[in-house]
């Protein structure tokens, strides 16, 4: 028989354990420095309508993403806009780029507003077809492409 006190202890241990494992995994999986031509620059972001919050992901969390253009010149500004559902307002969404078969987080992120919407100004320098997505925690948008000339 499990008492209420033991249930609370178990829940606390599981929560702390998951937090510690997640933190340790993040520290061990440090991303390598990006070459100068592989960076993305946040030019402008939408102001958050809510206080910053951690990205709590529910079972039905989703992210949409749509670039403002399909093709740009190198380092030309374009926008990625979209909405989230199942994430807390103020969650941080980050742009990722596929490089050598792996998803790399770029230094381009913004917090969602109170409605879960976001708008991210981006400049890319890697010429050719760039596979991109927006992520928040374990939730990712469908992949979209932007060609850099």
N, C-alpha and C. Protein backbone atom coordinates (compact mmCIF):
# COMPACT_ATOMS: atom_id res chain seq x y z
N UNK A 1 0.84 -1.18 0.00
CA UNK A 1 0.00 0.00 0.00
C UNK A 1 0.89 1.25 0.00
N UNK A 2 0.58 2.20 -0.86
CA UNK A 2 1.35 3.42 -0.99
C UNK A 2 0.59 4.55 -0.30
N UNK A 3 1.25 5.16 0.67
CA UNK A 3 0.60 6.25 1.39
C UNK A 3 0.73 7.54 0.59
N UNK A 4 -0.04 8.54 0.97
CA UNK A 4 0.00 9.84 0.30
C UNK A 4 1.39 10.45 0.45
N UNK A 5 2.00 10.30 1.61
CA UNK A 5 3.33 10.86 1.86
C UNK A 5 4.37 10.21 0.94
N UNK A 6 4.29 8.88 0.80
CA UNK A 6 5.24 8.19 -0.07
C UNK A 6 5.01 8.57 -1.54
N UNK A 7 3.77 8.79 -1.92
CA UNK A 7 3.47 9.21 -3.29
C UNK A 7 4.10 10.56 -3.58
N UNK A 8 4.02 11.48 -2.63
CA UNK A 8 4.62 12.80 -2.81
C UNK A 8 6.14 12.70 -2.88
N UNK A 9 6.73 11.86 -2.05
CA UNK A 9 8.18 11.66 -2.09
C UNK A 9 8.60 11.10 -3.44
N UNK A 10 7.88 10.10 -3.92
CA UNK A 10 8.19 9.49 -5.20
C UNK A 10 8.08 10.51 -6.33
N UNK A 11 7.03 11.32 -6.32
CA UNK A 11 6.85 12.34 -7.36
C UNK A 11 7.99 13.35 -7.32
N UNK A 12 8.42 13.74 -6.12
CA UNK A 12 9.51 14.70 -5.99
C UNK A 12 10.82 14.10 -6.50
N UNK A 13 11.09 12.86 -6.16
CA UNK A 13 12.32 12.20 -6.60
C UNK A 13 12.34 12.06 -8.13
N UNK A 14 11.22 11.65 -8.71
CA UNK A 14 11.14 11.49 -10.16
C UNK A 14 11.35 12.83 -10.86
N UNK A 15 10.71 13.88 -10.35
CA UNK A 15 10.84 15.21 -10.94
C UNK A 15 12.27 15.70 -10.86
N UNK A 16 12.89 15.60 -9.70
CA UNK A 16 14.27 16.05 -9.54
C UNK A 16 15.22 15.21 -10.39
N UNK A 17 14.98 13.92 -10.45
CA UNK A 17 15.83 13.05 -11.27
C UNK A 17 15.76 13.44 -12.73
N UNK A 18 14.55 13.68 -13.23
CA UNK A 18 14.39 14.08 -14.63
C UNK A 18 15.07 15.42 -14.89
N UNK A 19 14.95 16.35 -13.96
CA UNK A 19 15.59 17.65 -14.10
C UNK A 19 17.10 17.52 -14.14
N UNK A 20 17.66 16.72 -13.25
CA UNK A 20 19.11 16.54 -13.21
C UNK A 20 19.63 15.83 -14.46
N UNK A 21 18.92 14.82 -14.93
CA UNK A 21 19.33 14.13 -16.14
C UNK A 21 19.28 15.07 -17.33
N UNK A 22 18.22 15.87 -17.42
CA UNK A 22 18.10 16.84 -18.52
C UNK A 22 19.20 17.88 -18.48
N UNK A 23 19.53 18.35 -17.29
CA UNK A 23 20.59 19.34 -17.15
C UNK A 23 21.94 18.74 -17.51
N UNK A 24 22.21 17.54 -17.05
CA UNK A 24 23.48 16.88 -17.35
C UNK A 24 23.61 16.62 -18.84
N UNK A 25 22.52 16.19 -19.47
CA UNK A 25 22.55 15.93 -20.90
C UNK A 25 22.82 17.19 -21.70
N UNK A 26 22.27 18.31 -21.25
CA UNK A 26 22.49 19.57 -21.92
C UNK A 26 23.94 20.00 -21.80
N UNK A 27 24.53 19.83 -20.64
CA UNK A 27 25.91 20.23 -20.43
C UNK A 27 26.86 19.35 -21.23
N UNK A 28 26.56 18.06 -21.33
CA UNK A 28 27.45 17.15 -22.04
C UNK A 28 27.32 17.29 -23.55
N UNK A 29 26.19 17.74 -24.02
CA UNK A 29 25.96 17.84 -25.46
C UNK A 29 26.15 19.27 -25.94
N UNK A 30 27.22 19.90 -25.52
CA UNK A 30 27.49 21.27 -25.93
C UNK A 30 27.65 21.32 -27.43
N UNK A 31 27.01 22.29 -28.06
CA UNK A 31 27.07 22.37 -29.52
C UNK A 31 28.40 23.01 -29.92
N UNK A 32 28.98 22.53 -31.02
CA UNK A 32 30.23 23.11 -31.49
C UNK A 32 30.01 24.51 -32.02
N UNK A 33 31.06 25.30 -32.01
CA UNK A 33 30.97 26.65 -32.55
C UNK A 33 30.69 26.58 -34.04
N UNK A 34 29.83 27.46 -34.51
CA UNK A 34 29.47 27.47 -35.92
C UNK A 34 30.49 28.29 -36.70
N UNK A 35 30.80 27.88 -37.94
CA UNK A 35 31.66 28.72 -38.77
C UNK A 35 30.98 30.05 -39.04
N UNK A 36 31.74 31.05 -39.38
CA UNK A 36 31.21 32.39 -39.59
C UNK A 36 30.12 32.41 -40.65
N UNK A 37 30.20 31.55 -41.65
CA UNK A 37 29.19 31.56 -42.71
C UNK A 37 27.96 30.78 -42.33
N UNK A 38 27.96 30.10 -41.18
CA UNK A 38 26.83 29.26 -40.82
C UNK A 38 25.97 29.87 -39.73
N UNK A 39 26.15 31.13 -39.47
CA UNK A 39 25.40 31.74 -38.39
C UNK A 39 24.10 32.34 -38.89
N UNK A 40 23.18 32.44 -37.99
CA UNK A 40 21.93 33.15 -38.25
C UNK A 40 21.90 34.30 -37.26
N UNK A 41 21.41 35.41 -37.69
CA UNK A 41 21.39 36.59 -36.84
C UNK A 41 19.95 36.99 -36.59
N UNK A 42 19.60 37.19 -35.33
CA UNK A 42 18.27 37.69 -35.00
C UNK A 42 18.32 39.18 -35.25
N UNK A 43 17.52 39.63 -36.19
CA UNK A 43 17.51 41.04 -36.52
C UNK A 43 16.48 41.77 -35.70
N UNK A 44 15.30 41.20 -35.62
CA UNK A 44 14.28 41.79 -34.78
C UNK A 44 13.35 40.68 -34.34
N UNK A 45 12.79 40.86 -33.18
CA UNK A 45 11.88 39.86 -32.65
C UNK A 45 10.65 40.55 -32.13
N UNK A 46 9.60 39.79 -31.99
CA UNK A 46 8.38 40.38 -31.44
C UNK A 46 8.52 40.45 -29.93
N UNK A 47 7.97 41.47 -29.36
CA UNK A 47 8.01 41.60 -27.91
C UNK A 47 7.08 40.59 -27.29
N UNK A 48 7.51 40.01 -26.22
CA UNK A 48 6.68 39.03 -25.53
C UNK A 48 5.62 39.75 -24.73
N UNK A 49 4.40 39.26 -24.82
CA UNK A 49 3.31 39.85 -24.07
C UNK A 49 3.20 39.24 -22.68
N UNK A 50 4.01 38.22 -22.40
CA UNK A 50 3.92 37.54 -21.12
C UNK A 50 5.30 37.42 -20.51
N UNK A 51 5.33 37.17 -19.22
CA UNK A 51 6.60 36.97 -18.54
C UNK A 51 7.24 35.68 -19.04
N UNK A 52 8.59 35.60 -19.06
CA UNK A 52 9.24 34.39 -19.51
C UNK A 52 8.78 33.18 -18.71
N UNK A 53 8.60 32.07 -19.40
CA UNK A 53 8.19 30.84 -18.75
C UNK A 53 8.94 29.69 -19.37
N UNK A 54 9.11 28.63 -18.63
CA UNK A 54 9.77 27.47 -19.20
C UNK A 54 8.82 26.81 -20.18
N UNK A 55 9.39 26.12 -21.16
CA UNK A 55 8.60 25.49 -22.20
C UNK A 55 8.05 24.17 -21.69
N UNK A 56 6.83 24.21 -21.21
CA UNK A 56 6.19 22.99 -20.73
C UNK A 56 5.50 22.34 -21.92
N UNK A 57 5.89 21.14 -22.24
CA UNK A 57 5.37 20.47 -23.41
C UNK A 57 4.30 19.47 -22.99
N UNK A 58 3.13 19.60 -23.60
CA UNK A 58 2.08 18.63 -23.34
C UNK A 58 2.10 17.59 -24.44
N UNK A 59 1.28 16.57 -24.31
CA UNK A 59 1.26 15.50 -25.29
C UNK A 59 0.81 16.01 -26.65
N UNK A 60 0.04 17.09 -26.70
CA UNK A 60 -0.47 17.59 -27.97
C UNK A 60 0.20 18.89 -28.41
N UNK A 61 1.41 19.16 -27.97
CA UNK A 61 2.10 20.39 -28.33
C UNK A 61 2.47 20.37 -29.81
N UNK A 62 2.36 21.54 -30.46
CA UNK A 62 2.74 21.64 -31.86
C UNK A 62 3.23 23.04 -32.17
N UNK A 63 4.02 23.14 -33.24
CA UNK A 63 4.55 24.42 -33.70
C UNK A 63 4.38 24.49 -35.21
N UNK A 64 3.93 25.65 -35.69
CA UNK A 64 3.89 25.88 -37.13
C UNK A 64 4.99 26.88 -37.47
N UNK A 65 5.48 26.84 -38.69
CA UNK A 65 6.52 27.78 -39.12
C UNK A 65 6.36 28.05 -40.61
N UNK A 66 6.44 29.33 -40.98
CA UNK A 66 6.33 29.69 -42.38
C UNK A 66 7.32 30.83 -42.67
N UNK A 67 8.26 30.59 -43.60
CA UNK A 67 9.18 31.67 -43.97
C UNK A 67 8.47 32.68 -44.87
N UNK A 68 8.91 33.93 -44.82
CA UNK A 68 8.29 34.97 -45.64
C UNK A 68 8.68 34.86 -47.10
N UNK A 69 9.80 34.17 -47.38
CA UNK A 69 10.27 33.98 -48.76
C UNK A 69 10.79 32.56 -48.91
N UNK A 70 10.93 32.11 -50.14
CA UNK A 70 11.52 30.79 -50.38
C UNK A 70 12.96 30.89 -50.83
N UNK A 71 13.39 32.09 -51.24
CA UNK A 71 14.75 32.29 -51.72
C UNK A 71 15.22 33.70 -51.35
N UNK A 72 16.46 33.81 -50.86
CA UNK A 72 17.02 35.10 -50.46
C UNK A 72 18.49 35.18 -50.86
N UNK A 73 19.03 36.39 -50.91
CA UNK A 73 20.46 36.57 -51.07
C UNK A 73 21.13 36.30 -49.73
N UNK A 74 22.42 35.97 -49.74
CA UNK A 74 23.14 35.73 -48.50
C UNK A 74 23.04 36.95 -47.59
N UNK A 75 22.75 36.72 -46.34
CA UNK A 75 22.63 37.72 -45.28
C UNK A 75 21.47 38.69 -45.48
N UNK A 76 20.53 38.34 -46.34
CA UNK A 76 19.33 39.17 -46.53
C UNK A 76 18.29 38.79 -45.48
N UNK A 77 17.66 39.79 -44.90
CA UNK A 77 16.67 39.58 -43.86
C UNK A 77 15.41 38.93 -44.42
N UNK A 78 14.91 37.92 -43.72
CA UNK A 78 13.59 37.37 -43.97
C UNK A 78 12.97 37.01 -42.64
N UNK A 79 11.69 36.71 -42.64
CA UNK A 79 10.96 36.42 -41.41
C UNK A 79 10.45 35.00 -41.40
N UNK A 80 10.47 34.40 -40.22
CA UNK A 80 9.80 33.13 -39.99
C UNK A 80 8.72 33.42 -38.96
N UNK A 81 7.47 33.14 -39.31
CA UNK A 81 6.35 33.38 -38.40
C UNK A 81 5.60 32.08 -38.17
N UNK A 82 4.90 32.02 -37.09
CA UNK A 82 4.11 30.83 -36.81
C UNK A 82 3.40 30.93 -35.49
N UNK A 83 2.79 29.81 -35.11
CA UNK A 83 2.06 29.73 -33.86
C UNK A 83 2.42 28.43 -33.15
N UNK A 84 2.16 28.41 -31.87
CA UNK A 84 2.36 27.20 -31.07
C UNK A 84 1.04 26.86 -30.40
N UNK A 85 0.86 25.60 -30.11
CA UNK A 85 -0.28 25.19 -29.29
C UNK A 85 0.23 24.12 -28.34
N UNK A 86 -0.30 24.12 -27.14
CA UNK A 86 0.13 23.17 -26.14
C UNK A 86 1.39 23.60 -25.40
N UNK A 87 1.91 24.80 -25.70
CA UNK A 87 3.07 25.36 -24.99
C UNK A 87 2.62 26.56 -24.19
N UNK A 88 3.30 26.85 -23.09
CA UNK A 88 2.96 28.01 -22.28
C UNK A 88 3.29 29.29 -23.02
N UNK A 89 2.52 30.34 -22.76
CA UNK A 89 2.84 31.66 -23.31
C UNK A 89 4.20 32.07 -22.78
N UNK A 90 5.00 32.68 -23.62
CA UNK A 90 6.35 33.09 -23.22
C UNK A 90 7.39 32.00 -23.42
N UNK A 91 7.00 30.87 -23.98
CA UNK A 91 7.97 29.81 -24.27
C UNK A 91 8.94 30.29 -25.34
N UNK A 92 10.19 29.87 -25.24
CA UNK A 92 11.20 30.25 -26.22
C UNK A 92 11.19 29.26 -27.38
N UNK A 93 11.14 29.80 -28.60
CA UNK A 93 11.26 28.99 -29.80
C UNK A 93 12.58 29.35 -30.47
N UNK A 94 13.27 28.35 -31.00
CA UNK A 94 14.61 28.53 -31.55
C UNK A 94 14.66 27.99 -32.98
N UNK A 95 15.41 28.67 -33.84
CA UNK A 95 15.60 28.23 -35.21
C UNK A 95 16.72 27.20 -35.24
N UNK A 96 16.47 26.08 -35.93
CA UNK A 96 17.50 25.06 -36.15
C UNK A 96 17.72 24.87 -37.64
N UNK A 97 18.97 24.52 -37.98
CA UNK A 97 19.37 24.31 -39.36
C UNK A 97 20.02 22.94 -39.47
N UNK A 98 19.72 22.20 -40.52
CA UNK A 98 20.34 20.90 -40.71
C UNK A 98 21.71 21.10 -41.34
N UNK A 99 22.75 20.66 -40.62
CA UNK A 99 24.12 20.78 -41.08
C UNK A 99 24.79 19.41 -40.99
N UNK A 100 25.23 18.90 -42.13
CA UNK A 100 25.91 17.60 -42.18
C UNK A 100 25.07 16.50 -41.55
N UNK A 101 23.75 16.54 -41.79
CA UNK A 101 22.85 15.50 -41.31
C UNK A 101 22.40 15.66 -39.87
N UNK A 102 22.81 16.72 -39.17
CA UNK A 102 22.41 16.93 -37.78
C UNK A 102 21.74 18.29 -37.63
N UNK A 103 20.78 18.36 -36.71
CA UNK A 103 20.11 19.62 -36.43
C UNK A 103 20.96 20.44 -35.48
N UNK A 104 21.27 21.68 -35.88
CA UNK A 104 22.09 22.59 -35.09
C UNK A 104 21.25 23.80 -34.73
N UNK A 105 21.20 24.13 -33.44
CA UNK A 105 20.47 25.32 -32.99
C UNK A 105 21.27 26.55 -33.35
N UNK A 106 20.63 27.49 -34.02
CA UNK A 106 21.28 28.74 -34.39
C UNK A 106 20.98 29.80 -33.34
N UNK A 107 21.80 30.83 -33.27
CA UNK A 107 21.54 31.88 -32.28
C UNK A 107 20.40 32.80 -32.72
N UNK A 108 19.26 32.21 -32.93
CA UNK A 108 18.07 32.94 -33.35
C UNK A 108 16.88 32.36 -32.60
N UNK A 109 16.40 33.09 -31.60
CA UNK A 109 15.26 32.62 -30.83
C UNK A 109 14.42 33.81 -30.38
N UNK A 110 13.20 33.49 -30.01
CA UNK A 110 12.27 34.52 -29.56
C UNK A 110 11.24 33.85 -28.65
N UNK A 111 10.61 34.63 -27.81
CA UNK A 111 9.56 34.11 -26.95
C UNK A 111 8.21 34.29 -27.63
N UNK A 112 7.32 33.34 -27.40
CA UNK A 112 5.97 33.45 -27.96
C UNK A 112 5.18 34.49 -27.18
N UNK A 113 4.20 35.07 -27.84
CA UNK A 113 3.35 36.02 -27.13
C UNK A 113 2.25 35.26 -26.37
N UNK A 114 1.31 35.96 -25.79
CA UNK A 114 0.29 35.30 -24.97
C UNK A 114 -0.63 34.40 -25.78
N UNK A 115 -0.69 34.61 -27.10
CA UNK A 115 -1.51 33.77 -27.97
C UNK A 115 -0.74 32.60 -28.57
N UNK A 116 0.56 32.50 -28.24
CA UNK A 116 1.39 31.43 -28.77
C UNK A 116 2.00 31.75 -30.12
N UNK A 117 1.86 32.98 -30.60
CA UNK A 117 2.42 33.37 -31.89
C UNK A 117 3.84 33.90 -31.72
N UNK A 118 4.61 33.83 -32.80
CA UNK A 118 5.96 34.38 -32.78
C UNK A 118 6.31 34.90 -34.17
N UNK A 119 7.30 35.79 -34.22
CA UNK A 119 7.83 36.32 -35.47
C UNK A 119 9.33 36.50 -35.26
N UNK A 120 10.12 35.90 -36.13
CA UNK A 120 11.57 35.87 -35.95
C UNK A 120 12.23 36.40 -37.20
N UNK A 121 13.04 37.48 -37.07
CA UNK A 121 13.81 38.01 -38.19
C UNK A 121 15.12 37.25 -38.28
N UNK A 122 15.47 36.76 -39.49
CA UNK A 122 16.62 35.89 -39.65
C UNK A 122 17.44 36.31 -40.86
N UNK A 123 18.77 36.12 -40.77
CA UNK A 123 19.68 36.25 -41.90
C UNK A 123 20.52 34.99 -41.94
N UNK A 124 20.64 34.36 -43.10
CA UNK A 124 21.44 33.15 -43.26
C UNK A 124 22.60 33.41 -44.21
N UNK A 125 23.71 32.72 -43.97
CA UNK A 125 24.90 32.91 -44.79
C UNK A 125 25.32 31.69 -45.58
N UNK A 126 24.81 30.49 -45.27
CA UNK A 126 25.20 29.29 -46.01
C UNK A 126 24.42 29.27 -47.31
N UNK A 127 25.16 29.32 -48.44
CA UNK A 127 24.50 29.34 -49.74
C UNK A 127 23.99 27.96 -50.10
N UNK A 128 22.89 27.96 -50.84
CA UNK A 128 22.27 26.71 -51.26
C UNK A 128 20.96 26.49 -50.53
N UNK A 129 20.46 25.25 -50.60
CA UNK A 129 19.20 24.89 -49.97
C UNK A 129 19.42 24.67 -48.47
N UNK A 130 18.74 25.43 -47.64
CA UNK A 130 18.85 25.33 -46.19
C UNK A 130 17.59 24.69 -45.63
N UNK A 131 17.73 23.56 -44.95
CA UNK A 131 16.61 22.92 -44.27
C UNK A 131 16.54 23.51 -42.87
N UNK A 132 15.38 24.02 -42.50
CA UNK A 132 15.20 24.71 -41.22
C UNK A 132 13.97 24.18 -40.51
N UNK A 133 13.93 24.41 -39.21
CA UNK A 133 12.75 24.11 -38.41
C UNK A 133 12.80 24.98 -37.16
N UNK A 134 11.66 25.10 -36.49
CA UNK A 134 11.55 25.83 -35.24
C UNK A 134 11.30 24.81 -34.14
N UNK A 135 12.03 24.93 -33.02
CA UNK A 135 11.87 23.99 -31.92
C UNK A 135 11.64 24.72 -30.61
N UNK A 136 10.98 24.03 -29.71
CA UNK A 136 10.83 24.47 -28.33
C UNK A 136 10.80 23.20 -27.49
N UNK A 137 11.84 22.97 -26.73
CA UNK A 137 11.93 21.74 -25.96
C UNK A 137 11.98 20.54 -26.88
N UNK A 138 11.07 19.59 -26.69
CA UNK A 138 11.01 18.39 -27.53
C UNK A 138 10.05 18.53 -28.69
N UNK A 139 9.46 19.71 -28.87
CA UNK A 139 8.48 19.93 -29.93
C UNK A 139 9.14 20.66 -31.09
N UNK A 140 8.93 20.17 -32.31
CA UNK A 140 9.53 20.78 -33.49
C UNK A 140 8.47 21.01 -34.56
N UNK A 141 8.67 22.06 -35.35
CA UNK A 141 7.78 22.33 -36.48
C UNK A 141 8.15 21.40 -37.63
N UNK A 142 7.28 21.30 -38.62
CA UNK A 142 7.67 20.60 -39.84
C UNK A 142 8.87 21.33 -40.48
N UNK A 143 9.68 20.60 -41.21
CA UNK A 143 10.85 21.17 -41.86
C UNK A 143 10.40 22.05 -43.02
N UNK A 144 11.05 23.22 -43.16
CA UNK A 144 10.81 24.09 -44.31
C UNK A 144 12.16 24.46 -44.91
N UNK A 145 12.18 24.91 -46.14
CA UNK A 145 13.45 25.21 -46.80
C UNK A 145 13.48 26.66 -47.27
N UNK A 146 14.69 27.21 -47.24
CA UNK A 146 14.95 28.54 -47.80
C UNK A 146 16.25 28.42 -48.59
N UNK A 147 16.22 28.85 -49.83
CA UNK A 147 17.42 28.80 -50.68
C UNK A 147 18.15 30.13 -50.55
N UNK A 148 19.45 30.05 -50.24
CA UNK A 148 20.28 31.25 -50.14
C UNK A 148 21.15 31.33 -51.39
N UNK A 149 21.04 32.46 -52.11
CA UNK A 149 21.79 32.66 -53.35
C UNK A 149 23.10 33.36 -53.08
